[in-house]
Amino acid sequence: MFPIVIPPLRERSEDIPLLVLAVVKEFQKKMGKEIENIPKKTMQALQSYSWPGNVRELRNVIEHAMILSQGKTLHVHVPKRAASEPDAPGNLEELERGHIVAVLEKTDWRVAGQGGAAKVLGLKRTTLQAKMKKLGIKRSNKPMPK
């Protein structure tokens, strides 16, 4: 068994256009509809949404749009974020992972010692290393500078 860590959809918005096209193609066959156009403004709105439900939520939104759209243009109603919905990740594990990675980045990925992430987080070095392993956090997860 190998753990596979995939970043949440909100962290890879560049994948959204291809995912949308794949889902549209799938539902075209199932529904017998032909979509030839997805407005640029719609795609931008899809890419700027935080997708707390990840790909499953995107798929449901596109399916709903396919059902309601008339003609060859896909009209998508991007969900509105509830006022009570925080900007934080959707579950505790994602929140913990994000916080640990942020601290590691601030400490230049120094785990132990004076000024290390373990000290900043108030954890023993071994506890932090165990959490990093459990959450799939490795230095290679650090995004490349743009």
N, C-alpha and C. Protein backbone atom coordinates (compact mmCIF):
# COMPACT_ATOMS: atom_id res chain seq x y z
N MET A 1 0.85 -1.17 0.00
CA MET A 1 0.00 0.00 0.00
C MET A 1 0.89 1.24 0.00
N PHE A 2 0.62 2.15 -0.93
CA PHE A 2 1.42 3.36 -1.04
C PHE A 2 0.51 4.57 -0.90
N PRO A 3 0.80 5.45 0.08
CA PRO A 3 -0.03 6.66 0.20
C PRO A 3 0.26 7.61 -0.96
N ILE A 4 -0.79 8.15 -1.53
CA ILE A 4 -0.65 9.11 -2.62
C ILE A 4 -1.24 10.42 -2.12
N VAL A 5 -0.42 11.45 -2.10
CA VAL A 5 -0.86 12.75 -1.64
C VAL A 5 -1.11 13.63 -2.86
N ILE A 6 -2.35 14.06 -3.01
CA ILE A 6 -2.73 14.92 -4.13
C ILE A 6 -3.17 16.26 -3.54
N PRO A 7 -2.60 17.35 -4.00
CA PRO A 7 -3.00 18.65 -3.47
C PRO A 7 -4.48 18.90 -3.74
N PRO A 8 -5.16 19.62 -2.84
CA PRO A 8 -6.57 19.93 -3.08
C PRO A 8 -6.74 20.75 -4.36
N LEU A 9 -7.92 20.67 -4.93
CA LEU A 9 -8.22 21.34 -6.19
C LEU A 9 -7.97 22.84 -6.11
N ARG A 10 -8.22 23.45 -4.96
CA ARG A 10 -8.02 24.90 -4.83
C ARG A 10 -6.56 25.29 -4.99
N GLU A 11 -5.63 24.32 -4.84
CA GLU A 11 -4.21 24.58 -4.99
C GLU A 11 -3.70 24.25 -6.40
N ARG A 12 -4.59 23.78 -7.26
CA ARG A 12 -4.18 23.44 -8.63
C ARG A 12 -5.26 23.86 -9.62
N SER A 13 -5.59 25.14 -9.57
CA SER A 13 -6.66 25.67 -10.43
C SER A 13 -6.35 25.52 -11.91
N GLU A 14 -5.06 25.35 -12.24
CA GLU A 14 -4.71 25.16 -13.65
C GLU A 14 -5.23 23.84 -14.20
N ASP A 15 -5.60 22.90 -13.31
CA ASP A 15 -6.17 21.62 -13.74
C ASP A 15 -7.67 21.71 -14.06
N ILE A 16 -8.31 22.76 -13.61
CA ILE A 16 -9.77 22.85 -13.73
C ILE A 16 -10.26 22.82 -15.18
N PRO A 17 -9.68 23.58 -16.11
CA PRO A 17 -10.20 23.50 -17.50
C PRO A 17 -10.19 22.09 -18.07
N LEU A 18 -9.11 21.35 -17.85
CA LEU A 18 -9.05 19.98 -18.38
C LEU A 18 -10.06 19.07 -17.68
N LEU A 19 -10.21 19.24 -16.38
CA LEU A 19 -11.20 18.44 -15.65
C LEU A 19 -12.62 18.75 -16.14
N VAL A 20 -12.90 20.02 -16.34
CA VAL A 20 -14.23 20.42 -16.84
C VAL A 20 -14.49 19.78 -18.20
N LEU A 21 -13.52 19.86 -19.09
CA LEU A 21 -13.69 19.28 -20.42
C LEU A 21 -13.90 17.77 -20.35
N ALA A 22 -13.16 17.09 -19.48
CA ALA A 22 -13.32 15.64 -19.34
C ALA A 22 -14.70 15.29 -18.81
N VAL A 23 -15.20 16.05 -17.84
CA VAL A 23 -16.52 15.78 -17.26
C VAL A 23 -17.61 16.09 -18.28
N VAL A 24 -17.45 17.19 -19.01
CA VAL A 24 -18.42 17.54 -20.06
C VAL A 24 -18.49 16.43 -21.10
N LYS A 25 -17.32 15.96 -21.53
CA LYS A 25 -17.27 14.89 -22.53
C LYS A 25 -18.00 13.64 -22.03
N GLU A 26 -17.78 13.29 -20.77
CA GLU A 26 -18.44 12.12 -20.18
C GLU A 26 -19.96 12.30 -20.17
N PHE A 27 -20.42 13.47 -19.72
CA PHE A 27 -21.86 13.68 -19.62
C PHE A 27 -22.52 13.90 -20.97
N GLN A 28 -21.77 14.37 -21.97
CA GLN A 28 -22.33 14.50 -23.32
C GLN A 28 -22.80 13.13 -23.81
N LYS A 29 -21.97 12.13 -23.59
CA LYS A 29 -22.32 10.77 -24.02
C LYS A 29 -23.54 10.26 -23.26
N LYS A 30 -23.55 10.46 -21.95
CA LYS A 30 -24.64 9.95 -21.12
C LYS A 30 -25.96 10.65 -21.41
N MET A 31 -25.89 11.96 -21.64
CA MET A 31 -27.11 12.75 -21.79
C MET A 31 -27.52 12.98 -23.24
N GLY A 32 -26.64 12.65 -24.16
CA GLY A 32 -26.96 12.88 -25.56
C GLY A 32 -26.99 14.35 -25.92
N LYS A 33 -26.24 15.17 -25.19
CA LYS A 33 -26.14 16.61 -25.47
C LYS A 33 -24.77 16.91 -26.05
N GLU A 34 -24.71 17.99 -26.82
CA GLU A 34 -23.44 18.40 -27.38
C GLU A 34 -23.11 19.81 -26.91
N ILE A 35 -22.00 19.95 -26.20
CA ILE A 35 -21.54 21.25 -25.73
C ILE A 35 -20.34 21.64 -26.56
N GLU A 36 -20.42 22.79 -27.21
CA GLU A 36 -19.32 23.26 -28.05
C GLU A 36 -18.62 24.47 -27.46
N ASN A 37 -19.26 25.13 -26.47
CA ASN A 37 -18.70 26.37 -25.96
C ASN A 37 -18.84 26.44 -24.44
N ILE A 38 -17.75 26.81 -23.80
CA ILE A 38 -17.76 27.13 -22.37
C ILE A 38 -17.19 28.55 -22.28
N PRO A 39 -18.02 29.54 -21.92
CA PRO A 39 -17.55 30.92 -21.90
C PRO A 39 -16.30 31.10 -21.03
N LYS A 40 -15.41 31.96 -21.47
CA LYS A 40 -14.16 32.23 -20.76
C LYS A 40 -14.45 32.73 -19.34
N LYS A 41 -15.47 33.55 -19.21
CA LYS A 41 -15.84 34.10 -17.90
C LYS A 41 -16.27 32.96 -16.95
N THR A 42 -16.96 31.98 -17.49
CA THR A 42 -17.38 30.83 -16.70
C THR A 42 -16.17 30.04 -16.22
N MET A 43 -15.22 29.81 -17.12
CA MET A 43 -14.02 29.06 -16.75
C MET A 43 -13.22 29.81 -15.70
N GLN A 44 -13.15 31.12 -15.82
CA GLN A 44 -12.43 31.93 -14.82
C GLN A 44 -13.12 31.83 -13.46
N ALA A 45 -14.45 31.86 -13.47
CA ALA A 45 -15.19 31.73 -12.21
C ALA A 45 -14.95 30.36 -11.58
N LEU A 46 -14.92 29.32 -12.41
CA LEU A 46 -14.66 27.96 -11.90
C LEU A 46 -13.25 27.88 -11.31
N GLN A 47 -12.30 28.55 -11.92
CA GLN A 47 -10.92 28.50 -11.45
C GLN A 47 -10.71 29.34 -10.19
N SER A 48 -11.55 30.32 -9.94
CA SER A 48 -11.37 31.16 -8.76
C SER A 48 -12.14 30.66 -7.54
N TYR A 49 -13.01 29.69 -7.73
CA TYR A 49 -13.76 29.10 -6.62
C TYR A 49 -12.85 28.19 -5.80
N SER A 50 -13.07 28.09 -4.48
CA SER A 50 -12.16 27.34 -3.60
C SER A 50 -12.36 25.83 -3.60
N TRP A 51 -13.43 25.31 -4.15
CA TRP A 51 -13.71 23.88 -4.27
C TRP A 51 -13.47 23.08 -3.00
N PRO A 52 -14.23 23.39 -1.93
CA PRO A 52 -14.06 22.61 -0.69
C PRO A 52 -14.41 21.14 -0.87
N GLY A 53 -15.22 20.81 -1.86
CA GLY A 53 -15.57 19.42 -2.13
C GLY A 53 -14.67 18.77 -3.17
N ASN A 54 -13.62 19.51 -3.58
CA ASN A 54 -12.65 19.01 -4.54
C ASN A 54 -13.29 18.57 -5.85
N VAL A 55 -12.73 17.55 -6.50
CA VAL A 55 -13.17 17.14 -7.84
C VAL A 55 -14.62 16.64 -7.82
N ARG A 56 -15.02 16.00 -6.74
CA ARG A 56 -16.40 15.50 -6.65
C ARG A 56 -17.40 16.66 -6.74
N GLU A 57 -17.11 17.77 -6.07
CA GLU A 57 -17.99 18.93 -6.14
C GLU A 57 -17.98 19.54 -7.54
N LEU A 58 -16.80 19.64 -8.15
CA LEU A 58 -16.70 20.16 -9.52
C LEU A 58 -17.53 19.31 -10.47
N ARG A 59 -17.42 18.02 -10.34
CA ARG A 59 -18.18 17.09 -11.18
C ARG A 59 -19.69 17.30 -11.02
N ASN A 60 -20.14 17.46 -9.78
CA ASN A 60 -21.56 17.68 -9.53
C ASN A 60 -22.05 19.00 -10.12
N VAL A 61 -21.23 20.04 -10.02
CA VAL A 61 -21.59 21.36 -10.57
C VAL A 61 -21.71 21.28 -12.09
N ILE A 62 -20.77 20.58 -12.73
CA ILE A 62 -20.80 20.45 -14.19
C ILE A 62 -21.99 19.59 -14.62
N GLU A 63 -22.27 18.52 -13.89
CA GLU A 63 -23.44 17.69 -14.22
C GLU A 63 -24.72 18.50 -14.14
N HIS A 64 -24.85 19.31 -13.09
CA HIS A 64 -26.03 20.17 -12.92
C HIS A 64 -26.15 21.15 -14.08
N ALA A 65 -25.00 21.73 -14.47
CA ALA A 65 -25.00 22.67 -15.60
C ALA A 65 -25.38 21.98 -16.89
N MET A 66 -24.91 20.76 -17.09
CA MET A 66 -25.26 20.00 -18.30
C MET A 66 -26.77 19.75 -18.37
N ILE A 67 -27.36 19.43 -17.24
CA ILE A 67 -28.80 19.17 -17.20
C ILE A 67 -29.59 20.41 -17.55
N LEU A 68 -29.17 21.56 -17.00
CA LEU A 68 -29.93 22.80 -17.18
C LEU A 68 -29.61 23.56 -18.47
N SER A 69 -28.45 23.34 -19.05
CA SER A 69 -28.05 24.10 -20.24
C SER A 69 -28.87 23.69 -21.46
N GLN A 70 -29.32 24.72 -22.17
CA GLN A 70 -30.02 24.52 -23.45
C GLN A 70 -29.07 24.97 -24.55
N GLY A 71 -29.02 24.26 -25.61
CA GLY A 71 -28.13 24.65 -26.71
C GLY A 71 -26.74 24.09 -26.52
N LYS A 72 -25.80 24.69 -27.23
CA LYS A 72 -24.44 24.16 -27.28
C LYS A 72 -23.46 24.89 -26.37
N THR A 73 -23.95 25.84 -25.56
CA THR A 73 -23.11 26.58 -24.62
C THR A 73 -23.40 26.10 -23.20
N LEU A 74 -22.35 25.80 -22.46
CA LEU A 74 -22.50 25.35 -21.08
C LEU A 74 -22.63 26.56 -20.17
N HIS A 75 -23.76 26.64 -19.48
CA HIS A 75 -24.01 27.72 -18.52
C HIS A 75 -23.89 27.15 -17.12
N VAL A 76 -22.81 27.54 -16.43
CA VAL A 76 -22.51 27.01 -15.10
C VAL A 76 -22.82 28.05 -14.05
N HIS A 77 -23.47 27.60 -12.99
CA HIS A 77 -23.71 28.45 -11.82
C HIS A 77 -22.70 28.02 -10.76
N VAL A 78 -21.63 28.81 -10.64
CA VAL A 78 -20.58 28.49 -9.66
C VAL A 78 -21.15 28.75 -8.27
N PRO A 79 -20.96 27.80 -7.35
CA PRO A 79 -21.50 27.98 -5.99
C PRO A 79 -20.94 29.24 -5.34
N LYS A 80 -21.76 29.86 -4.55
CA LYS A 80 -21.33 31.01 -3.76
C LYS A 80 -20.83 30.50 -2.43
N ARG A 81 -19.75 31.09 -1.95
CA ARG A 81 -19.24 30.68 -0.65
C ARG A 81 -20.14 31.28 0.42
N ALA A 82 -20.55 30.44 1.36
CA ALA A 82 -21.39 30.91 2.46
C ALA A 82 -20.59 31.88 3.31
N ALA A 83 -21.25 32.88 3.86
CA ALA A 83 -20.57 33.87 4.69
C ALA A 83 -19.88 33.21 5.88
N SER A 84 -20.43 32.11 6.36
CA SER A 84 -19.86 31.42 7.51
C SER A 84 -18.72 30.47 7.14
N GLU A 85 -18.52 30.24 5.84
CA GLU A 85 -17.50 29.31 5.41
C GLU A 85 -16.12 29.95 5.54
N PRO A 86 -15.25 29.36 6.31
CA PRO A 86 -13.92 29.95 6.50
C PRO A 86 -13.04 29.73 5.27
N ASP A 87 -11.94 30.48 5.21
CA ASP A 87 -10.97 30.29 4.15
C ASP A 87 -10.09 29.08 4.41
N ALA A 88 -10.20 28.51 5.61
CA ALA A 88 -9.36 27.38 5.99
C ALA A 88 -9.74 26.14 5.22
N PRO A 89 -8.81 25.18 5.12
CA PRO A 89 -9.12 23.92 4.45
C PRO A 89 -10.31 23.22 5.07
N GLY A 90 -10.87 22.26 4.34
CA GLY A 90 -12.11 21.62 4.72
C GLY A 90 -12.08 20.70 5.92
N ASN A 91 -10.94 20.11 6.27
CA ASN A 91 -10.97 19.23 7.43
C ASN A 91 -9.73 19.47 8.28
N LEU A 92 -9.73 18.86 9.47
CA LEU A 92 -8.67 19.09 10.43
C LEU A 92 -7.31 18.63 9.91
N GLU A 93 -7.29 17.50 9.21
CA GLU A 93 -6.02 17.00 8.68
C GLU A 93 -5.42 17.97 7.66
N GLU A 94 -6.25 18.52 6.78
CA GLU A 94 -5.77 19.50 5.80
C GLU A 94 -5.28 20.77 6.49
N LEU A 95 -6.00 21.19 7.53
CA LEU A 95 -5.61 22.37 8.29
C LEU A 95 -4.27 22.15 8.97
N GLU A 96 -4.11 20.98 9.60
CA GLU A 96 -2.86 20.65 10.27
C GLU A 96 -1.71 20.60 9.26
N ARG A 97 -1.94 19.94 8.13
CA ARG A 97 -0.90 19.83 7.09
C ARG A 97 -0.49 21.23 6.63
N GLY A 98 -1.47 22.08 6.35
CA GLY A 98 -1.18 23.44 5.88
C GLY A 98 -0.39 24.24 6.90
N HIS A 99 -0.75 24.09 8.18
CA HIS A 99 -0.07 24.84 9.23
C HIS A 99 1.38 24.36 9.38
N ILE A 100 1.58 23.06 9.38
CA ILE A 100 2.93 22.51 9.53
C ILE A 100 3.80 22.93 8.34
N VAL A 101 3.27 22.84 7.13
CA VAL A 101 4.04 23.25 5.95
C VAL A 101 4.38 24.74 6.03
N ALA A 102 3.44 25.56 6.46
CA ALA A 102 3.69 27.00 6.58
C ALA A 102 4.82 27.27 7.57
N VAL A 103 4.80 26.57 8.71
CA VAL A 103 5.87 26.76 9.71
C VAL A 103 7.19 26.26 9.16
N LEU A 104 7.18 25.11 8.48
CA LEU A 104 8.41 24.60 7.87
C LEU A 104 8.98 25.58 6.86
N GLU A 105 8.12 26.20 6.08
CA GLU A 105 8.60 27.18 5.10
C GLU A 105 9.20 28.39 5.79
N LYS A 106 8.57 28.82 6.90
CA LYS A 106 9.10 29.98 7.65
C LYS A 106 10.45 29.66 8.27
N THR A 107 10.66 28.40 8.64
CA THR A 107 11.93 28.00 9.26
C THR A 107 12.90 27.43 8.22
N ASP A 108 12.62 27.66 6.95
CA ASP A 108 13.43 27.14 5.84
C ASP A 108 13.60 25.62 5.95
N TRP A 109 12.53 24.96 6.33
CA TRP A 109 12.44 23.51 6.44
C TRP A 109 13.39 22.93 7.49
N ARG A 110 13.76 23.73 8.46
CA ARG A 110 14.55 23.23 9.58
C ARG A 110 13.59 22.61 10.58
N VAL A 111 13.72 21.33 10.83
CA VAL A 111 12.78 20.60 11.68
C VAL A 111 13.10 20.77 13.15
N ALA A 112 14.38 20.60 13.53
CA ALA A 112 14.75 20.59 14.94
C ALA A 112 15.74 21.70 15.26
N GLY A 113 16.03 21.83 16.55
CA GLY A 113 17.01 22.81 17.00
C GLY A 113 16.41 24.18 17.21
N GLN A 114 17.27 25.10 17.61
CA GLN A 114 16.85 26.48 17.87
C GLN A 114 16.28 27.09 16.59
N GLY A 115 15.08 27.61 16.66
CA GLY A 115 14.43 28.20 15.50
C GLY A 115 13.85 27.19 14.53
N GLY A 116 13.87 25.91 14.90
CA GLY A 116 13.30 24.87 14.06
C GLY A 116 11.78 24.80 14.19
N ALA A 117 11.15 24.13 13.24
CA ALA A 117 9.69 24.04 13.21
C ALA A 117 9.13 23.34 14.46
N ALA A 118 9.81 22.32 14.94
CA ALA A 118 9.31 21.60 16.13
C ALA A 118 9.18 22.55 17.31
N LYS A 119 10.20 23.38 17.51
CA LYS A 119 10.18 24.34 18.62
C LYS A 119 9.06 25.37 18.44
N VAL A 120 8.93 25.88 17.21
CA VAL A 120 7.88 26.87 16.92
C VAL A 120 6.49 26.28 17.18
N LEU A 121 6.31 25.00 16.81
CA LEU A 121 5.01 24.34 16.98
C LEU A 121 4.80 23.81 18.39
N GLY A 122 5.83 23.85 19.22
CA GLY A 122 5.70 23.34 20.59
C GLY A 122 5.64 21.82 20.63
N LEU A 123 6.36 21.18 19.71
CA LEU A 123 6.36 19.73 19.63
C LEU A 123 7.79 19.20 19.80
N LYS A 124 7.87 17.92 20.18
CA LYS A 124 9.17 17.25 20.16
C LYS A 124 9.52 16.99 18.70
N ARG A 125 10.80 16.93 18.41
CA ARG A 125 11.26 16.67 17.05
C ARG A 125 10.65 15.38 16.51
N THR A 126 10.64 14.34 17.32
CA THR A 126 10.12 13.04 16.87
C THR A 126 8.62 13.09 16.61
N THR A 127 7.90 13.88 17.41
CA THR A 127 6.46 14.02 17.20
C THR A 127 6.19 14.73 15.88
N LEU A 128 6.95 15.80 15.61
CA LEU A 128 6.78 16.52 14.34
C LEU A 128 7.13 15.60 13.17
N GLN A 129 8.20 14.85 13.28
CA GLN A 129 8.58 13.95 12.19
C GLN A 129 7.51 12.89 11.95
N ALA A 130 6.90 12.38 13.02
CA ALA A 130 5.82 11.39 12.88
C ALA A 130 4.61 12.02 12.19
N LYS A 131 4.26 13.27 12.57
CA LYS A 131 3.14 13.96 11.93
C LYS A 131 3.43 14.22 10.46
N MET A 132 4.66 14.60 10.16
CA MET A 132 5.03 14.85 8.77
C MET A 132 4.89 13.57 7.94
N LYS A 133 5.32 12.47 8.51
CA LYS A 133 5.21 11.19 7.81
C LYS A 133 3.74 10.83 7.60
N LYS A 134 2.94 10.96 8.65
CA LYS A 134 1.51 10.62 8.58
C LYS A 134 0.78 11.48 7.55
N LEU A 135 1.13 12.77 7.49
CA LEU A 135 0.45 13.70 6.59
C LEU A 135 1.09 13.75 5.20
N GLY A 136 2.16 13.00 4.99
CA GLY A 136 2.82 12.98 3.69
C GLY A 136 3.56 14.25 3.37
N ILE A 137 4.09 14.91 4.38
CA ILE A 137 4.81 16.17 4.18
C ILE A 137 6.29 15.86 3.98
N LYS A 138 6.79 16.28 2.83
CA LYS A 138 8.21 16.14 2.50
C LYS A 138 8.67 17.45 1.90
N ARG A 139 9.92 17.71 2.00
CA ARG A 139 10.44 18.96 1.45
C ARG A 139 10.13 19.10 -0.03
N SER A 140 10.02 17.99 -0.73
CA SER A 140 9.70 18.05 -2.16
C SER A 140 8.31 18.61 -2.41
N ASN A 141 7.45 18.67 -1.35
CA ASN A 141 6.12 19.27 -1.48
C ASN A 141 6.19 20.78 -1.62
N LYS A 142 7.37 21.34 -1.30
CA LYS A 142 7.53 22.78 -1.37
C LYS A 142 7.39 23.23 -2.82
N PRO A 143 6.47 24.17 -3.13
CA PRO A 143 6.28 24.59 -4.51
C PRO A 143 7.51 25.30 -5.05
N MET A 144 7.73 25.14 -6.33
CA MET A 144 8.85 25.79 -7.00
C MET A 144 8.56 27.28 -7.09
N PRO A 145 9.58 28.12 -6.90
CA PRO A 145 9.36 29.57 -7.04
C PRO A 145 8.96 29.94 -8.46
N LYS A 146 8.11 30.93 -8.58
CA LYS A 146 7.63 31.37 -9.91
C LYS A 146 8.44 32.53 -10.40
